[in-house]
Amino acid sequence: MTTVTSASTTASATSSSSTADAQTFATSDYQTFLEMLTVQMQNQDPLNPMDSTDYAVQLATFSGVEQQVETNSLLESIASSISQMGISELASWVGMDGKTEEPVYFFGSSIVVETEADSQADSAVLTVQDESGNTVYSGAVDVDEDFVEWDGTNSDGETADYGNYTFTLKSYSGSDLISTETAPAYGRIIEARVTDSGTELVMMSGSTVSSDDITGLRSPSS
């Protein structure tokens, strides 16, 4: 992010410098034009003076050029502002925890998991699997609770290894399995990018997701 901010600052400074140079050029050149026009009027042939219409045309032409320079400078300033706004928006994603169905990286902090069971369920079980598909934890969750925190403890009561984990919620009615769904969890966002298709987010797990696929945001607990 430091590099992005630095690039933004440099771009802004360059744009401001270009705008100032353009305005200085327009003002200086316009003054020179007026001086030349005055000298031309003073030294014209009194027997064959220049038509006043020609003066008006010259003034209008140069004035139009001056206005175009100022318009271009204004457009550069607007473009620079829009670019900085875009970078600010990207920066707001980084460091947040986003809810995703992609694997989530466990690095010692508890992971918040959505456990919204089927409406017909009277019990539910949350299963946690590692990158190899091995079940490291399985336990009952309250069907009335929408979220639980997995603190990284495996079924043996030990802390699981750092790495990527996926979560599955099984809903039961009595002993009958009603549904098996991927349980979305909150993973850390470490990078945000602008692509042709929109904002792209890189998770700590290494997964890359569209911002449209992030269905919730939380400030990290740690």
Protein backbone atom coordinates (compact mmCIF):
# COMPACT_ATOMS: atom_id res chain seq x y z
CA MET A 1 0.00 0.00 0.00
CA THR A 2 2.94 2.30 0.61
CA THR A 3 3.92 2.02 -3.03
CA VAL A 4 0.38 2.77 -4.19
CA THR A 5 0.13 5.80 -1.92
CA SER A 6 3.51 7.04 -3.07
CA ALA A 7 2.50 6.62 -6.71
CA SER A 8 -0.74 8.47 -6.06
CA THR A 9 1.08 11.33 -4.36
CA THR A 10 3.59 11.58 -7.22
CA ALA A 11 0.80 11.53 -9.81
CA SER A 12 -1.07 14.24 -7.91
CA ALA A 13 2.04 16.41 -7.65
CA THR A 14 2.78 15.93 -11.36
CA SER A 15 -0.80 16.83 -12.28
CA SER A 16 -0.71 19.96 -10.09
CA SER A 17 2.62 20.99 -11.63
CA SER A 18 1.26 20.46 -15.18
CA THR A 19 -1.85 22.48 -14.38
CA ALA A 20 0.19 25.35 -12.93
CA ASP A 21 2.56 25.34 -15.90
CA ALA A 22 -0.34 25.39 -18.37
CA GLN A 23 -2.01 28.29 -16.58
CA THR A 24 1.27 30.24 -16.39
CA PHE A 25 1.87 29.60 -20.09
CA ALA A 26 -1.65 30.76 -21.03
CA THR A 27 -1.42 33.95 -18.97
CA SER A 28 2.09 34.82 -20.16
CA ASP A 29 1.30 34.12 -23.79
CA TYR A 30 -1.96 36.10 -23.64
CA GLN A 31 -0.12 39.15 -22.26
CA THR A 32 2.46 38.85 -25.04
CA PHE A 33 -0.34 38.69 -27.60
CA LEU A 34 -1.95 41.87 -26.22
CA GLU A 35 1.38 43.69 -26.31
CA MET A 36 1.94 42.64 -29.90
CA LEU A 37 -1.59 43.70 -30.84
CA THR A 38 -1.03 47.10 -29.21
CA VAL A 39 2.23 47.62 -31.11
CA GLN A 40 0.48 46.54 -34.29
CA MET A 41 -2.24 49.16 -33.73
CA GLN A 42 0.32 51.88 -32.97
CA ASN A 43 2.35 51.17 -36.09
CA GLN A 44 -0.36 50.49 -38.62
CA ASP A 45 -0.63 52.56 -41.78
CA PRO A 46 -3.01 55.45 -40.94
CA LEU A 47 -4.07 55.55 -44.59
CA ASN A 48 -4.87 51.84 -44.59
CA PRO A 49 -5.81 50.85 -41.01
CA MET A 50 -6.68 47.30 -40.10
CA ASP A 51 -10.36 46.52 -40.03
CA SER A 52 -11.70 46.40 -36.46
CA THR A 53 -13.31 43.09 -37.34
CA ASP A 54 -9.86 41.57 -37.80
CA TYR A 55 -8.90 42.67 -34.30
CA ALA A 56 -12.03 41.06 -32.91
CA VAL A 57 -11.30 37.81 -34.75
CA GLN A 58 -7.73 37.69 -33.44
CA LEU A 59 -8.87 38.37 -29.87
CA ALA A 60 -11.63 35.75 -30.08
CA THR A 61 -9.25 33.16 -31.56
CA PHE A 62 -6.60 33.60 -28.91
CA SER A 63 -9.18 33.76 -26.15
CA GLY A 64 -10.56 30.43 -27.38
CA VAL A 65 -7.10 28.87 -27.22
CA GLU A 66 -6.61 30.20 -23.69
CA GLN A 67 -9.97 28.76 -22.58
CA GLN A 68 -9.04 25.38 -24.10
CA VAL A 69 -5.79 25.32 -22.13
CA GLU A 70 -7.64 26.10 -18.91
CA THR A 71 -10.29 23.46 -19.72
CA ASN A 72 -7.61 20.82 -20.26
CA SER A 73 -6.00 21.77 -16.95
CA LEU A 74 -9.35 21.44 -15.19
CA LEU A 75 -9.96 18.02 -16.73
CA GLU A 76 -6.51 16.86 -15.59
CA SER A 77 -7.33 18.00 -12.05
CA ILE A 78 -10.68 16.17 -12.10
CA ALA A 79 -9.07 12.98 -13.43
CA SER A 80 -6.43 13.14 -10.69
CA SER A 81 -9.12 13.55 -8.01
CA ILE A 82 -11.09 10.58 -9.36
CA SER A 83 -7.93 8.46 -9.38
CA GLN A 84 -7.19 9.34 -5.74
CA MET A 85 -10.79 8.50 -4.77
CA GLY A 86 -10.38 5.09 -6.42
CA ILE A 87 -7.22 4.38 -4.44
CA SER A 88 -8.93 5.45 -1.21
CA GLU A 89 -11.75 3.03 -1.93
CA LEU A 90 -9.26 0.20 -2.51
CA ALA A 91 -7.43 1.04 0.70
CA SER A 92 -10.67 0.72 2.68
CA TRP A 93 -10.80 -3.01 1.84
CA VAL A 94 -7.28 -3.90 2.95
CA GLY A 95 -6.99 -5.24 6.49
CA MET A 96 -10.71 -5.95 6.82
CA ASP A 97 -12.22 -9.41 7.30
CA GLY A 98 -14.50 -10.32 4.40
CA LYS A 99 -17.14 -13.06 4.44
CA THR A 100 -16.45 -15.59 1.71
CA GLU A 101 -17.06 -19.21 0.80
CA GLU A 102 -13.42 -19.50 -0.27
CA PRO A 103 -10.91 -21.14 2.13
CA VAL A 104 -9.93 -18.95 5.07
CA TYR A 105 -6.42 -18.74 6.49
CA PHE A 106 -6.03 -19.56 10.19
CA PHE A 107 -3.09 -17.72 11.77
CA GLY A 108 -3.89 -18.00 15.46
CA SER A 109 -6.91 -15.70 15.68
CA SER A 110 -10.45 -17.03 15.96
CA ILE A 111 -12.38 -17.29 12.69
CA VAL A 112 -15.99 -16.13 12.62
CA VAL A 113 -18.16 -18.64 10.73
CA GLU A 114 -21.75 -18.18 9.59
CA THR A 115 -23.88 -21.08 10.86
CA GLU A 116 -27.34 -20.34 9.51
CA ALA A 117 -28.99 -23.76 9.65
CA ASP A 118 -31.93 -24.92 7.54
CA SER A 119 -35.23 -23.50 8.80
CA GLN A 120 -36.53 -27.06 9.39
CA ALA A 121 -33.48 -28.18 11.34
CA ASP A 122 -33.48 -28.92 15.06
CA SER A 123 -29.73 -29.56 15.20
CA ALA A 124 -26.64 -28.71 13.19
CA VAL A 125 -23.01 -29.77 13.00
CA LEU A 126 -20.08 -27.61 11.89
CA THR A 127 -17.18 -29.41 10.21
CA VAL A 128 -13.74 -27.87 9.63
CA GLN A 129 -11.41 -29.33 7.01
CA ASP A 130 -7.80 -28.53 6.13
CA GLU A 131 -6.35 -28.04 2.64
CA SER A 132 -5.99 -31.79 2.17
CA GLY A 133 -9.65 -32.38 2.95
CA ASN A 134 -8.96 -33.89 6.38
CA THR A 135 -11.54 -33.13 9.06
CA VAL A 136 -9.77 -31.40 11.94
CA TYR A 137 -12.87 -30.49 13.90
CA SER A 138 -16.55 -31.41 14.04
CA GLY A 139 -19.01 -30.19 16.62
CA ALA A 140 -22.64 -29.31 17.25
CA VAL A 141 -23.79 -25.69 16.94
CA ASP A 142 -26.97 -23.98 18.13
CA VAL A 143 -29.47 -23.75 15.27
CA ASP A 144 -30.65 -20.41 16.68
CA GLU A 145 -27.18 -18.88 16.39
CA ASP A 146 -26.19 -17.27 13.08
CA PHE A 147 -22.47 -17.12 13.83
CA VAL A 148 -19.89 -19.02 15.86
CA GLU A 149 -16.16 -18.50 16.39
CA TRP A 150 -13.76 -21.33 15.69
CA ASP A 151 -10.71 -20.69 17.85
CA GLY A 152 -8.51 -23.10 15.94
CA THR A 153 -8.91 -25.99 18.36
CA ASN A 154 -9.04 -29.39 16.67
CA SER A 155 -10.97 -32.45 17.80
CA ASP A 156 -8.05 -33.49 20.03
CA GLY A 157 -8.19 -30.19 21.90
CA GLU A 158 -4.98 -28.97 20.34
CA THR A 159 -4.39 -25.84 18.26
CA ALA A 160 -4.56 -26.56 14.56
CA ASP A 161 -1.66 -25.74 12.27
CA TYR A 162 -1.60 -22.42 10.48
CA GLY A 163 -3.11 -22.81 7.04
CA ASN A 164 -6.26 -22.70 4.94
CA TYR A 165 -9.50 -24.21 6.19
CA THR A 166 -12.99 -24.68 4.79
CA PHE A 167 -16.21 -24.94 6.80
CA THR A 168 -19.29 -27.07 6.20
CA LEU A 169 -22.62 -26.91 8.01
CA LYS A 170 -24.87 -30.00 8.16
CA SER A 171 -28.49 -29.45 9.18
CA TYR A 172 -30.52 -32.27 10.75
CA SER A 173 -34.15 -32.89 11.57
CA GLY A 174 -34.01 -35.59 14.18
CA SER A 175 -31.56 -38.10 12.74
CA ASP A 176 -32.28 -37.13 9.15
CA LEU A 177 -29.72 -35.01 7.29
CA ILE A 178 -31.63 -32.15 5.63
CA SER A 179 -28.80 -30.26 3.95
CA THR A 180 -25.05 -29.86 3.67
CA GLU A 181 -23.86 -26.37 2.84
CA THR A 182 -20.56 -24.51 2.67
CA ALA A 183 -20.47 -22.23 5.69
CA PRO A 184 -19.12 -18.77 4.77
CA ALA A 185 -16.37 -17.49 7.04
CA TYR A 186 -14.54 -14.20 7.56
CA GLY A 187 -11.03 -14.15 6.09
CA ARG A 188 -8.45 -11.36 6.09
CA ILE A 189 -8.16 -9.19 2.96
CA ILE A 190 -4.53 -8.30 2.25
CA GLU A 191 -4.71 -6.62 -1.16
CA ALA A 192 -7.19 -4.86 -3.44
CA ARG A 193 -6.80 -4.37 -7.17
CA VAL A 194 -8.68 -2.62 -9.97
CA THR A 195 -9.32 -4.85 -12.98
CA ASP A 196 -11.39 -4.54 -16.15
CA SER A 197 -14.16 -6.52 -14.43
CA GLY A 198 -14.14 -4.47 -11.21
CA THR A 199 -12.45 -4.57 -7.82
CA GLU A 200 -10.52 -7.76 -7.13
CA LEU A 201 -9.54 -8.79 -3.59
CA VAL A 202 -6.68 -11.02 -2.52
CA MET A 203 -7.32 -12.97 0.69
CA MET A 204 -4.67 -14.09 3.16
CA SER A 205 -5.48 -17.64 2.05
CA GLY A 206 -4.17 -16.77 -1.41
CA SER A 207 -7.64 -16.85 -2.95
CA THR A 208 -8.63 -14.04 -5.28
CA VAL A 209 -12.29 -13.00 -5.22
CA SER A 210 -14.42 -10.28 -6.74
CA SER A 211 -15.60 -7.63 -4.30
CA ASP A 212 -19.14 -8.54 -5.42
CA ASP A 213 -18.65 -12.01 -3.89
CA ILE A 214 -17.83 -10.58 -0.45
CA THR A 215 -21.15 -10.70 1.40
CA GLY A 216 -20.04 -9.13 4.68
CA LEU A 217 -17.24 -7.06 6.23
CA ARG A 218 -15.92 -6.93 9.77
CA SER A 219 -13.17 -5.04 11.50
CA PRO A 220 -10.56 -7.60 12.52
CA SER A 221 -10.61 -8.67 16.16
CA SER A 222 -6.82 -8.87 16.14
